[in-house]
Amino acid sequence: MPITEIFYYKPEVSITSLNVRKMNFIKTLCAIFFFSLFIISCNQDSIVEESKQVITPQSAEGDIIPDQYIVNFKSSAIPGALSYIDQPENIRDRETKAALMEENTAIVTAQIKSFLDQEGISEDAILYVYTAIEAGAALRLTEEQFKNLQSNPTVNTIEFDRSVSLPDFTIDHIDEDGGSRAQTTPCGITNAGGAANAGTSRWIWVVDTGIDLDHPDLNVVTNSTYAKSYVGGSPNDCNGHGTHCAGTAAARNNSFGVVGVAANAPVVPIRVLNCGGSGSTSGIIAGLNHVATYDLPGDVVNMSLGGYYGGGCANGSSYKSVIQGLGNAGTRVAIAAGNSAANAAFYQPACVNGNRVYTVSSMTCGKSWSSFSNYNMNPVDYIATGSSVYSTYLNGGYATLSGTSMATPHVAGICQIRNNSPRSVGTVYKNGEYYPIAKR
């Protein structure tokens, strides 16, 4: 019955009946009111429960650094610097992006430090601040501070920081005189489809032990705005691993030494591992945060590094948000599968899947499986030559090394040349799976 009928006088309706109807109407309103209160109360309880949700690290395996954590904040609370730029994928000038990002980074950094100050976390407990893609920080925390952050509604994830070392690789031979002989084309370059002269607008960021800054066979970006070290000192390589990767990806096409897949491409040293090849997950993510501040669509990141994480790696890895963010913004990321002859799904960052993200296993020059290589087509995307790879090395020299670290820069070079994913030409068989050979 429409409510208005109760308020019209009708001779055939008695006063008693009218009163009963009024009482029923009042009861109905009361029922609706109390039901609404019940729903609101339930929603508030739900919000309270959500705010009390305890966030725990996905894995307690690997080489955990005691009392060090990587914390990411919800984008609704503290958005990353890229979110302040309208259509960043359309920026084609590196200096323009740098200016915009530096301005926005200051805003995000202030928000992060304000939050940490409110939580009683001092400046000297902050190892790194991450601002570019997803706001976060690497922190030294007391047990009480850790527990407080676990239930803080501003926090999205908390993961343990871990020590990272280069995957075990083999130095087969060091050749200090290679630059005095005629240029050779290593078998890995041939297997990848041969060398091609690269344009210089798309950079290859080598996140590693640095690069030999004055190697005559490399086009190294030495500008201190871009070339950085996160383990102290300069981005100059004192290990050799990063220089070797850089040469495979992009050694010059000249009359001596070797030639890379993307010959002459600019290589940018992001030094995250020390002379002994050691660093931390938090430091590597700081390097990736730096790349995300200055990269442009079409750039490539080479990550020939990693460490054991354990189960749930694909979703729990601390690298996930920044690597996927790089890929989504137009930068391609090549990642070594690892050299433990084990399932790559348990190793980070190899376990990370995403748009424009490629995990790489290793084959021999003869296109058979490298015995040391990690496997599993989830997450591995391609295979390239990683056994007995000849490339640039320390002090202007050359060396032959083996590892998935050596396979990965073949893919990085292919991505730079193609400005696209590698082609797949042929396969290598392993454990019931066929791994596509990366070609330019």
Protein backbone atom coordinates (compact mmCIF):
# COMPACT_ATOMS: atom_id res chain seq x y z
CA MET A 1 0.00 0.00 0.00
CA PRO A 2 1.35 3.48 -0.83
CA ILE A 3 2.35 5.39 2.30
CA THR A 4 0.23 8.43 1.34
CA GLU A 5 -2.99 6.44 1.83
CA ILE A 6 -2.45 6.47 5.58
CA PHE A 7 -2.78 10.23 5.76
CA TYR A 8 -5.97 10.68 3.71
CA TYR A 9 -9.32 10.67 5.52
CA LYS A 10 -11.64 7.97 4.27
CA PRO A 11 -15.04 7.61 5.99
CA GLU A 12 -15.04 3.86 5.61
CA VAL A 13 -11.80 3.51 7.60
CA SER A 14 -12.15 3.56 11.40
CA ILE A 15 -9.92 5.56 13.73
CA THR A 16 -8.72 2.28 15.24
CA SER A 17 -7.74 0.96 11.84
CA LEU A 18 -5.95 4.23 11.08
CA ASN A 19 -3.99 4.02 14.30
CA VAL A 20 -3.02 0.44 13.59
CA ARG A 21 -1.76 1.43 10.17
CA LYS A 22 0.22 4.32 11.66
CA MET A 23 1.77 1.96 14.20
CA ASN A 24 2.70 -0.51 11.45
CA PHE A 25 4.25 2.30 9.42
CA ILE A 26 6.30 3.46 12.42
CA LYS A 27 7.39 -0.13 13.08
CA THR A 28 8.47 -0.45 9.44
CA LEU A 29 10.51 2.76 9.64
CA CYS A 30 12.11 1.55 12.85
CA ALA A 31 12.95 -1.79 11.27
CA ILE A 32 14.55 -0.05 8.28
CA PHE A 33 16.49 2.28 10.60
CA PHE A 34 17.88 -0.50 12.79
CA PHE A 35 18.65 -2.68 9.75
CA SER A 36 20.62 0.23 8.25
CA LEU A 37 22.51 0.64 11.53
CA PHE A 38 23.30 -3.06 11.43
CA ILE A 39 24.67 -2.84 7.85
CA ILE A 40 26.76 0.25 8.67
CA SER A 41 28.07 -1.46 11.78
CA CYS A 42 29.04 -4.52 9.76
CA ASN A 43 30.82 -2.35 7.19
CA GLN A 44 32.67 -0.49 9.92
CA ASP A 45 33.67 -3.78 11.48
CA SER A 46 34.91 -4.89 8.08
CA ILE A 47 36.96 -1.70 7.70
CA VAL A 48 38.40 -2.13 11.17
CA GLU A 49 39.24 -5.74 10.41
CA GLU A 50 40.90 -4.71 7.15
CA SER A 51 42.95 -2.05 8.92
CA LYS A 52 44.03 -4.68 11.45
CA GLN A 53 45.14 -7.10 8.77
CA VAL A 54 48.62 -8.34 9.53
CA ILE A 55 50.96 -8.31 6.54
CA THR A 56 53.62 -11.01 6.55
CA PRO A 57 56.52 -11.71 4.19
CA GLN A 58 55.71 -14.40 1.63
CA SER A 59 58.92 -16.36 2.21
CA ALA A 60 61.41 -16.76 5.04
CA GLU A 61 63.93 -18.63 2.85
CA GLY A 62 67.07 -17.43 1.12
CA ASP A 63 69.93 -15.37 2.52
CA ILE A 64 67.88 -13.04 4.76
CA ILE A 65 69.56 -9.98 6.29
CA PRO A 66 68.46 -9.75 9.94
CA ASP A 67 66.20 -6.81 10.84
CA GLN A 68 66.16 -5.38 7.28
CA TYR A 69 62.90 -5.10 5.37
CA ILE A 70 61.57 -3.82 2.06
CA VAL A 71 58.28 -1.98 2.57
CA ASN A 72 55.92 -0.85 -0.19
CA PHE A 73 53.04 1.53 0.43
CA LYS A 74 49.54 1.47 -1.03
CA SER A 75 49.29 3.70 -4.07
CA SER A 76 46.07 5.16 -2.66
CA ALA A 77 48.07 6.45 0.31
CA ILE A 78 51.44 7.40 -1.25
CA PRO A 79 51.47 7.26 -5.07
CA GLY A 80 54.72 6.90 -7.00
CA ALA A 81 56.30 9.79 -8.91
CA LEU A 82 55.29 8.40 -12.32
CA SER A 83 51.62 8.68 -11.37
CA TYR A 84 51.93 12.49 -11.34
CA ILE A 85 52.87 12.52 -15.05
CA ASP A 86 50.10 12.38 -17.63
CA GLN A 87 50.88 9.63 -20.17
CA PRO A 88 54.58 9.16 -19.34
CA GLU A 89 54.82 6.59 -22.14
CA ASN A 90 54.54 9.47 -24.62
CA ILE A 91 57.64 11.28 -23.36
CA ARG A 92 60.46 10.89 -25.86
CA ASP A 93 62.99 13.34 -24.46
CA ARG A 94 65.18 12.06 -21.62
CA GLU A 95 65.89 15.49 -20.14
CA THR A 96 62.19 16.34 -20.04
CA LYS A 97 61.39 13.17 -18.18
CA ALA A 98 64.31 13.70 -15.80
CA ALA A 99 63.08 17.19 -14.89
CA LEU A 100 59.51 16.00 -14.28
CA MET A 101 60.58 12.97 -12.27
CA GLU A 102 63.02 14.87 -10.09
CA GLU A 103 60.29 17.33 -9.15
CA ASN A 104 57.79 14.56 -8.37
CA THR A 105 60.38 12.47 -6.56
CA ALA A 106 60.83 15.27 -4.04
CA ILE A 107 57.09 15.18 -3.31
CA VAL A 108 57.00 11.41 -2.84
CA THR A 109 60.17 11.38 -0.73
CA ALA A 110 58.70 14.00 1.62
CA GLN A 111 55.52 11.92 2.02
CA ILE A 112 57.48 8.75 2.78
CA LYS A 113 59.72 10.43 5.31
CA SER A 114 56.75 12.12 6.99
CA PHE A 115 55.06 8.73 7.37
CA LEU A 116 58.22 7.11 8.75
CA ASP A 117 58.70 9.98 11.19
CA GLN A 118 55.14 9.50 12.47
CA GLU A 119 55.95 5.82 12.99
CA GLY A 120 59.05 6.69 15.03
CA ILE A 121 61.48 5.35 12.39
CA SER A 122 64.60 7.49 12.42
CA GLU A 123 66.57 8.74 9.40
CA ASP A 124 69.50 6.43 10.15
CA ALA A 125 67.17 3.41 9.86
CA ILE A 126 66.35 4.29 6.23
CA LEU A 127 68.55 2.40 3.78
CA TYR A 128 66.83 3.46 0.56
CA VAL A 129 63.68 5.32 -0.45
CA TYR A 130 61.82 4.11 -3.55
CA THR A 131 59.75 6.71 -5.35
CA ALA A 132 59.44 6.11 -9.10
CA ILE A 133 56.86 3.37 -9.69
CA GLU A 134 55.60 2.26 -6.29
CA ALA A 135 56.51 4.27 -3.20
CA GLY A 136 58.45 2.31 -0.62
CA ALA A 137 61.56 2.10 1.52
CA ALA A 138 64.23 -0.31 2.70
CA LEU A 139 64.43 -0.09 6.47
CA ARG A 140 66.22 -1.40 9.53
CA LEU A 141 63.46 -2.10 12.04
CA THR A 142 63.15 -3.18 15.63
CA GLU A 143 60.73 -6.02 16.29
CA GLU A 144 58.18 -3.54 17.65
CA GLN A 145 58.47 -1.27 14.58
CA PHE A 146 58.11 -4.27 12.28
CA LYS A 147 54.94 -5.41 14.05
CA ASN A 148 53.47 -1.91 13.94
CA LEU A 149 54.03 -1.63 10.19
CA GLN A 150 52.53 -5.08 9.63
CA SER A 151 49.12 -3.78 10.70
CA ASN A 152 49.42 -0.23 9.32
CA PRO A 153 46.74 0.44 6.66
CA THR A 154 49.20 2.54 4.60
CA VAL A 155 51.48 -0.47 4.02
CA ASN A 156 50.88 -2.74 1.04
CA THR A 157 53.67 -5.33 1.38
CA ILE A 158 56.62 -6.14 3.63
CA GLU A 159 59.40 -8.49 2.54
CA PHE A 160 62.71 -9.52 4.05
CA ASP A 161 65.80 -7.94 2.56
CA ARG A 162 68.30 -10.53 1.30
CA SER A 163 71.97 -10.72 0.48
CA VAL A 164 72.56 -11.23 -3.22
CA SER A 165 75.59 -12.67 -4.97
CA LEU A 166 76.25 -13.25 -8.63
CA PRO A 167 75.05 -16.66 -9.78
CA ASP A 168 77.99 -19.05 -9.85
CA PHE A 169 79.58 -18.56 -13.24
CA THR A 170 82.75 -19.91 -14.80
CA ILE A 171 85.68 -17.82 -16.02
CA ASP A 172 87.03 -20.02 -18.78
CA HIS A 173 89.73 -17.67 -20.02
CA ILE A 174 90.91 -14.05 -19.67
CA ASP A 175 92.44 -12.45 -22.77
CA GLU A 176 94.20 -9.16 -22.11
CA ASP A 177 95.42 -8.85 -25.70
CA GLY A 178 92.13 -9.42 -27.51
CA GLY A 179 91.87 -5.79 -28.49
CA SER A 180 95.02 -6.04 -30.55
CA ARG A 181 93.54 -8.66 -32.89
CA ALA A 182 90.95 -8.46 -35.63
CA GLN A 183 87.31 -8.32 -34.54
CA THR A 184 85.58 -11.66 -34.01
CA THR A 185 81.90 -12.53 -33.87
CA PRO A 186 81.28 -14.89 -30.91
CA CYS A 187 79.06 -17.92 -31.51
CA GLY A 188 76.38 -16.52 -29.20
CA ILE A 189 75.99 -13.48 -31.42
CA THR A 190 75.65 -15.74 -34.46
CA ASN A 191 73.07 -17.91 -32.66
CA ALA A 192 71.13 -14.75 -31.80
CA GLY A 193 70.86 -13.84 -35.46
CA GLY A 194 74.09 -11.89 -35.90
CA ALA A 195 75.12 -8.36 -35.00
CA ALA A 196 73.35 -5.24 -36.22
CA ASN A 197 74.33 -1.60 -35.88
CA ALA A 198 72.11 -0.06 -33.24
CA GLY A 199 70.62 3.39 -32.96
CA THR A 200 71.68 5.36 -29.90
CA SER A 201 68.32 6.65 -28.67
CA ARG A 202 67.45 3.40 -26.87
CA TRP A 203 69.77 2.65 -23.95
CA ILE A 204 70.70 -0.67 -22.32
CA TRP A 205 70.87 -0.29 -18.55
CA VAL A 206 73.27 -2.91 -17.13
CA VAL A 207 72.25 -3.55 -13.50
CA ASP A 208 75.31 -5.43 -12.31
CA THR A 209 78.89 -4.88 -11.07
CA GLY A 210 79.30 -1.73 -13.17
CA ILE A 211 81.03 -1.36 -16.54
CA ASP A 212 84.64 -0.64 -17.47
CA LEU A 213 83.97 3.06 -18.14
CA ASP A 214 86.73 3.58 -20.69
CA HIS A 215 86.69 0.22 -22.46
CA PRO A 216 87.51 1.05 -26.11
CA ASP A 217 85.00 -1.50 -27.42
CA LEU A 218 81.98 -0.11 -25.54
CA ASN A 219 79.79 2.97 -25.89
CA VAL A 220 79.42 3.69 -22.15
CA VAL A 221 77.12 6.43 -20.80
CA THR A 222 79.29 8.02 -18.10
CA ASN A 223 77.11 11.05 -17.30
CA SER A 224 76.71 10.95 -13.50
CA THR A 225 73.01 11.77 -13.74
CA TYR A 226 72.46 8.32 -15.22
CA ALA A 227 75.48 6.14 -14.37
CA LYS A 228 75.27 5.28 -10.66
CA SER A 229 76.68 3.05 -7.94
CA TYR A 230 74.63 1.74 -5.02
CA VAL A 231 77.52 -0.07 -3.33
CA GLY A 232 79.82 2.90 -2.83
CA GLY A 233 82.47 4.29 -5.14
CA SER A 234 81.95 4.92 -8.82
CA PRO A 235 80.01 2.86 -11.40
CA ASN A 236 83.33 1.63 -12.79
CA ASP A 237 83.52 -2.18 -12.84
CA CYS A 238 86.05 -3.86 -10.55
CA ASN A 239 84.69 -7.39 -11.01
CA GLY A 240 84.35 -7.92 -14.78
CA HIS A 241 80.90 -9.49 -14.84
CA GLY A 242 78.99 -6.34 -15.78
CA THR A 243 81.50 -5.38 -18.48
CA HIS A 244 81.20 -8.84 -20.01
CA CYS A 245 77.40 -8.54 -20.13
CA ALA A 246 77.64 -5.08 -21.68
CA GLY A 247 79.88 -6.36 -24.48
CA THR A 248 77.60 -9.24 -25.41
CA ALA A 249 74.67 -6.86 -25.65
CA ALA A 250 76.38 -3.96 -27.38
CA ALA A 251 80.13 -4.14 -28.15
CA ARG A 252 81.12 -1.79 -30.96
CA ASN A 253 81.25 -2.87 -34.58
CA ASN A 254 84.84 -1.85 -35.30
CA SER A 255 88.07 -3.49 -36.42
CA PHE A 256 89.05 -5.20 -33.15
CA GLY A 257 87.81 -7.19 -30.16
CA VAL A 258 84.25 -8.48 -30.40
CA VAL A 259 80.90 -7.26 -31.66
CA GLY A 260 77.63 -7.26 -29.70
CA VAL A 261 74.10 -8.08 -30.80
CA ALA A 262 73.11 -4.39 -30.74
CA ALA A 263 76.47 -3.04 -31.85
CA ASN A 264 77.31 0.46 -30.56
CA ALA A 265 74.18 0.76 -28.39
CA PRO A 266 74.70 3.00 -25.34
CA VAL A 267 75.24 0.95 -22.17
CA VAL A 268 74.56 2.54 -18.77
CA PRO A 269 76.30 1.15 -15.66
CA ILE A 270 74.04 0.74 -12.63
CA ARG A 271 76.43 -0.76 -10.09
CA VAL A 272 74.52 -2.72 -7.45
CA LEU A 273 77.14 -5.42 -6.73
CA ASN A 274 80.60 -4.85 -5.27
CA CYS A 275 84.00 -6.05 -6.47
CA GLY A 276 83.26 -9.50 -5.05
CA GLY A 277 79.90 -9.64 -6.84
CA SER A 278 77.80 -9.17 -3.68
CA GLY A 279 74.99 -6.78 -2.81
CA SER A 280 71.44 -6.77 -1.47
CA THR A 281 67.92 -6.98 -2.83
CA SER A 282 67.23 -3.51 -1.42
CA GLY A 283 70.23 -2.04 -3.25
CA ILE A 284 69.27 -3.68 -6.54
CA ILE A 285 65.73 -2.31 -6.26
CA ALA A 286 67.25 1.12 -5.59
CA GLY A 287 69.11 0.74 -8.88
CA LEU A 288 65.90 -0.23 -10.69
CA ASN A 289 64.11 2.73 -9.09
CA HIS A 290 66.85 4.93 -10.56
CA VAL A 291 66.34 3.39 -14.01
CA ALA A 292 62.59 4.00 -13.78
CA THR A 293 63.30 7.66 -13.05
CA TYR A 294 65.32 8.25 -16.23
CA ASP A 295 64.40 5.55 -18.78
CA LEU A 296 62.36 6.04 -21.92
CA PRO A 297 60.09 3.59 -23.79
CA GLY A 298 62.30 1.31 -25.89
CA ASP A 299 65.11 1.16 -23.34
CA VAL A 300 66.26 -2.24 -22.07
CA VAL A 301 67.40 -3.43 -18.63
CA ASN A 302 69.82 -6.36 -18.29
CA MET A 303 69.68 -8.19 -14.92
CA SER A 304 72.21 -11.01 -14.85
CA LEU A 305 71.86 -11.59 -11.11
CA GLY A 306 69.58 -13.11 -8.51
CA GLY A 307 69.17 -15.33 -5.48
CA TYR A 308 66.99 -18.00 -3.88
CA TYR A 309 63.58 -16.88 -2.64
CA GLY A 310 61.46 -20.02 -2.22
CA GLY A 311 57.78 -20.72 -2.77
CA GLY A 312 55.40 -17.97 -3.86
CA CYS A 313 58.20 -16.09 -5.60
CA ALA A 314 56.16 -14.94 -8.60
CA ASN A 315 53.76 -13.00 -6.36
CA GLY A 316 55.91 -12.31 -3.31
CA SER A 317 59.21 -11.18 -4.83
CA SER A 318 60.27 -7.70 -3.76
CA TYR A 319 61.27 -7.03 -7.38
CA LYS A 320 57.80 -7.64 -8.75
CA SER A 321 56.26 -4.15 -8.67
CA VAL A 322 59.26 -2.27 -10.05
CA ILE A 323 60.08 -4.81 -12.80
CA GLN A 324 56.47 -5.06 -13.94
CA GLY A 325 56.20 -1.27 -13.71
CA LEU A 326 59.22 -0.86 -15.99
CA GLY A 327 57.71 -3.29 -18.50
CA ASN A 328 54.28 -1.65 -18.45
CA ALA A 329 55.89 1.76 -19.09
CA GLY A 330 57.65 0.49 -22.23
CA THR A 331 61.10 -0.63 -21.01
CA ARG A 332 62.05 -4.26 -21.64
CA VAL A 333 63.73 -6.30 -18.90
CA ALA A 334 65.96 -9.35 -19.53
CA ILE A 335 66.62 -11.52 -16.44
CA ALA A 336 68.97 -14.47 -15.91
CA ALA A 337 67.24 -17.71 -14.94
CA GLY A 338 70.11 -18.70 -12.61
CA ASN A 339 72.87 -21.28 -12.57
CA SER A 340 71.74 -23.80 -9.95
CA ALA A 341 70.37 -26.43 -12.35
CA ALA A 342 67.09 -25.91 -10.49
CA ASN A 343 63.56 -24.56 -10.93
CA ALA A 344 63.78 -20.87 -11.86
CA ALA A 345 60.40 -20.27 -10.21
CA PHE A 346 62.14 -20.30 -6.81
CA TYR A 347 64.71 -17.63 -7.69
CA GLN A 348 64.20 -13.88 -7.78
CA PRO A 349 64.05 -11.86 -9.95
CA ALA A 350 63.93 -14.77 -12.44
CA CYS A 351 60.49 -15.75 -11.11
CA VAL A 352 58.89 -12.44 -12.08
CA ASN A 353 56.55 -12.56 -15.07
CA GLY A 354 55.15 -9.53 -16.81
CA ASN A 355 54.62 -7.49 -19.94
CA ARG A 356 58.01 -6.97 -21.68
CA VAL A 357 59.77 -9.07 -19.01
CA TYR A 358 61.90 -12.02 -20.22
CA THR A 359 63.61 -14.70 -18.14
CA VAL A 360 66.47 -16.41 -19.99
CA SER A 361 67.99 -19.90 -19.70
CA SER A 362 71.30 -20.99 -21.23
CA MET A 363 72.37 -23.22 -24.11
CA THR A 364 75.75 -24.10 -25.59
CA CYS A 365 77.22 -22.79 -28.85
CA GLY A 366 75.93 -26.00 -30.43
CA LYS A 367 72.38 -25.24 -29.17
CA SER A 368 72.17 -27.95 -26.53
CA TRP A 369 71.15 -27.41 -22.90
CA SER A 370 73.77 -25.90 -20.56
CA SER A 371 74.06 -28.26 -17.58
CA PHE A 372 74.20 -25.41 -15.03
CA SER A 373 71.10 -23.57 -16.25
CA ASN A 374 67.91 -23.16 -14.25
CA TYR A 375 64.78 -24.34 -16.05
CA ASN A 376 60.94 -24.32 -16.12
CA MET A 377 58.99 -22.55 -18.85
CA ASN A 378 57.02 -20.84 -16.11
CA PRO A 379 58.80 -18.35 -15.75
CA VAL A 380 61.48 -18.90 -18.45
CA ASP A 381 60.65 -17.19 -21.76
CA TYR A 382 63.71 -17.75 -23.96
CA ILE A 383 67.03 -19.54 -24.22
CA ALA A 384 70.27 -18.05 -25.57
CA THR A 385 73.96 -18.94 -25.63
CA GLY A 386 75.48 -18.84 -22.16
CA SER A 387 78.24 -21.45 -22.36
CA SER A 388 81.74 -20.28 -23.34
CA VAL A 389 80.79 -16.72 -24.29
CA TYR A 390 83.63 -14.40 -25.41
CA SER A 391 83.11 -10.72 -24.61
CA THR A 392 84.60 -7.53 -23.17
CA TYR A 393 86.23 -7.59 -19.73
CA LEU A 394 88.20 -5.48 -17.25
CA ASN A 395 90.95 -3.04 -18.18
CA GLY A 396 90.08 -3.00 -21.86
CA GLY A 397 90.47 -6.77 -22.04
CA TYR A 398 88.30 -9.71 -23.05
CA ALA A 399 87.28 -13.00 -21.43
CA THR A 400 85.34 -16.21 -21.98
CA LEU A 401 82.68 -16.80 -19.31
CA SER A 402 79.81 -19.26 -18.83
CA GLY A 403 76.44 -18.80 -17.11
CA THR A 404 72.85 -17.69 -17.65
CA SER A 405 74.32 -14.24 -16.94
CA MET A 406 76.01 -14.55 -20.33
CA ALA A 407 72.84 -15.74 -22.08
CA THR A 408 70.71 -12.85 -20.84
CA PRO A 409 72.48 -9.91 -22.57
CA HIS A 410 71.94 -11.62 -25.94
CA VAL A 411 68.23 -11.11 -25.31
CA ALA A 412 68.81 -7.55 -24.08
CA GLY A 413 70.64 -6.73 -27.32
CA ILE A 414 67.91 -8.31 -29.44
CA CYS A 415 65.26 -6.23 -27.65
CA GLN A 416 67.24 -3.04 -28.27
CA ILE A 417 67.64 -3.72 -31.99
CA ARG A 418 64.06 -4.84 -32.56
CA ASN A 419 62.39 -2.47 -30.09
CA ASN A 420 60.24 -5.49 -29.54
CA SER A 421 60.29 -9.00 -28.11
CA PRO A 422 62.80 -11.47 -29.61
CA ARG A 423 61.68 -13.76 -32.38
CA SER A 424 61.66 -17.49 -31.62
CA VAL A 425 63.60 -19.55 -34.14
CA GLY A 426 64.20 -23.17 -33.10
CA THR A 427 64.04 -24.76 -29.66
CA VAL A 428 66.14 -26.59 -27.10
CA TYR A 429 64.58 -29.54 -25.28
CA LYS A 430 64.77 -30.03 -21.49
CA ASN A 431 62.63 -32.11 -19.13
CA GLY A 432 59.66 -32.36 -21.47
CA GLU A 433 59.72 -28.67 -22.42
CA TYR A 434 60.89 -26.86 -25.56
CA TYR A 435 62.70 -23.60 -24.89
CA PRO A 436 62.46 -21.08 -27.76
CA ILE A 437 65.81 -19.76 -29.02
CA ALA A 438 65.86 -15.96 -28.99
CA LYS A 439 66.62 -14.34 -32.37
CA ARG A 440 66.76 -10.76 -33.56
